Amino acid sequence: MPATLTVETPAGETYELTAEPGAVLRDVLLEADLSPHGRYATRLNCGGRGICATCGVRLAEPPDPDHWHDDLADRFGYPRLSCQLQVRDGMAVKLLDKRVWGSRQSGDGTD
């Protein structure tokens, strides 16, 4: 049964996507033409290997980190890597307005 996820863009537009549970979030976003990368990293990124840190997103309810980068992001308030997250039903994702990489989290956890 497909999972439903909600994606909010930096412009405030909201999209509802469906995907297979367990699919890589980065791939699902790219297939929907909703890039998690900033404009400078659209072509220059690691391709989902978890090393360039350009596909960061905010999650309303992030899962426990299971990747070294996500452990640090969780600890210091940075975005989570969409290439290291699996889609789950009810997921709420916020794409970031990236000029460089992302920024520390402030507020209610969805900034």
Protein backbone atom coordinates (compact mmCIF):
# COMPACT_ATOMS: atom_id res chain seq x y z
CA MET A 1 0.00 0.00 0.00
CA PRO A 2 1.52 3.38 -0.98
CA ALA A 3 2.58 5.93 1.60
CA THR A 4 1.31 9.51 1.44
CA LEU A 5 3.61 12.39 2.27
CA THR A 6 3.16 16.15 2.29
CA VAL A 7 5.88 18.41 0.88
CA GLU A 8 6.07 22.15 1.46
CA THR A 9 8.28 24.25 -0.83
CA PRO A 10 10.21 27.37 0.24
CA ALA A 11 7.52 29.41 -1.59
CA GLY A 12 4.85 27.93 0.69
CA GLU A 13 3.29 25.63 -1.93
CA THR A 14 2.12 22.27 -0.61
CA TYR A 15 2.14 19.00 -2.54
CA GLU A 16 0.81 15.61 -1.57
CA LEU A 17 2.84 12.72 -2.97
CA THR A 18 2.46 8.97 -2.87
CA ALA A 19 5.37 6.56 -2.90
CA GLU A 20 6.28 3.09 -1.82
CA PRO A 21 7.04 2.91 1.91
CA GLY A 22 10.80 2.60 2.38
CA ALA A 23 11.67 4.43 -0.87
CA VAL A 24 14.51 6.94 -0.62
CA LEU A 25 13.00 10.37 0.04
CA ARG A 26 15.49 12.18 -2.23
CA ASP A 27 14.54 9.98 -5.17
CA VAL A 28 10.81 10.46 -4.57
CA LEU A 29 11.26 14.24 -4.44
CA LEU A 30 13.33 14.32 -7.62
CA GLU A 31 10.80 12.14 -9.47
CA ALA A 32 8.09 14.65 -8.48
CA ASP A 33 10.26 17.53 -9.79
CA LEU A 34 10.69 18.86 -6.24
CA SER A 35 14.45 19.03 -5.81
CA PRO A 36 15.80 18.96 -2.26
CA HIS A 37 18.98 20.60 -3.59
CA GLY A 38 19.67 24.31 -3.76
CA ARG A 39 20.24 25.82 -7.19
CA TYR A 40 24.02 25.47 -6.97
CA ALA A 41 23.88 21.80 -6.01
CA THR A 42 21.27 20.65 -8.54
CA ARG A 43 23.96 19.28 -10.83
CA LEU A 44 26.88 19.08 -8.43
CA ASN A 45 25.98 16.69 -5.65
CA CYS A 46 27.03 13.24 -4.47
CA GLY A 47 24.10 11.47 -6.11
CA GLY A 48 22.56 10.23 -2.90
CA ARG A 49 25.63 8.84 -1.15
CA GLY A 50 25.19 10.95 2.00
CA ILE A 51 28.46 12.86 1.75
CA CYS A 52 27.74 16.27 0.16
CA ALA A 53 24.99 17.42 2.57
CA THR A 54 23.11 19.36 -0.12
CA CYS A 55 19.78 17.50 0.03
CA GLY A 56 18.81 18.51 3.55
CA VAL A 57 15.13 18.85 4.46
CA ARG A 58 13.16 19.50 7.63
CA LEU A 59 10.72 16.91 8.92
CA ALA A 60 7.82 17.60 11.23
CA GLU A 61 8.57 14.32 13.03
CA PRO A 62 12.05 13.10 12.14
CA PRO A 63 12.89 9.44 12.73
CA ASP A 64 15.78 8.48 14.96
CA PRO A 65 19.06 9.09 13.12
CA ASP A 66 20.76 6.04 11.64
CA HIS A 67 23.45 7.79 9.57
CA TRP A 68 26.43 9.66 10.99
CA HIS A 69 25.40 12.92 9.33
CA ASP A 70 21.83 12.69 10.57
CA ASP A 71 23.08 12.02 14.09
CA LEU A 72 25.07 15.28 13.97
CA ALA A 73 22.19 17.13 12.29
CA ASP A 74 19.81 15.96 14.98
CA ARG A 75 22.22 16.95 17.72
CA PHE A 76 23.00 20.43 16.36
CA GLY A 77 19.71 21.34 14.64
CA TYR A 78 20.75 21.06 10.99
CA PRO A 79 18.54 19.68 8.19
CA ARG A 80 18.28 15.91 7.71
CA LEU A 81 19.62 14.37 4.48
CA SER A 82 16.78 13.28 2.21
CA CYS A 83 19.10 10.72 0.59
CA GLN A 84 19.35 8.91 3.92
CA LEU A 85 15.64 8.96 4.81
CA GLN A 86 13.05 6.38 3.89
CA VAL A 87 9.52 7.41 3.02
CA ARG A 88 6.87 6.54 5.59
CA ASP A 89 3.16 7.20 5.57
CA GLY A 90 2.14 10.57 6.97
CA MET A 91 5.60 12.11 6.54
CA ALA A 92 5.62 15.94 6.44
CA VAL A 93 8.63 17.37 4.60
CA LYS A 94 9.69 20.99 4.26
CA LEU A 95 12.10 21.89 1.46
CA LEU A 96 14.52 24.66 2.35
CA ASP A 97 15.51 27.87 0.62
CA LYS A 98 19.19 27.04 0.30
CA ARG A 99 21.77 29.56 -0.59
CA VAL A 100 24.56 27.43 0.79
CA TRP A 101 23.69 24.27 2.72
CA GLY A 102 20.93 24.98 5.20
CA SER A 103 20.71 26.56 8.58
CA ARG A 104 20.33 25.58 12.16
CA GLN A 105 16.86 24.92 13.35
CA SER A 106 15.05 27.54 15.33
CA GLY A 107 11.54 27.44 16.63
CA ASP A 108 9.08 24.59 16.47
CA GLY A 109 11.07 22.04 14.50
CA THR A 110 9.67 22.78 11.05
CA ASP A 111 11.77 25.87 10.21
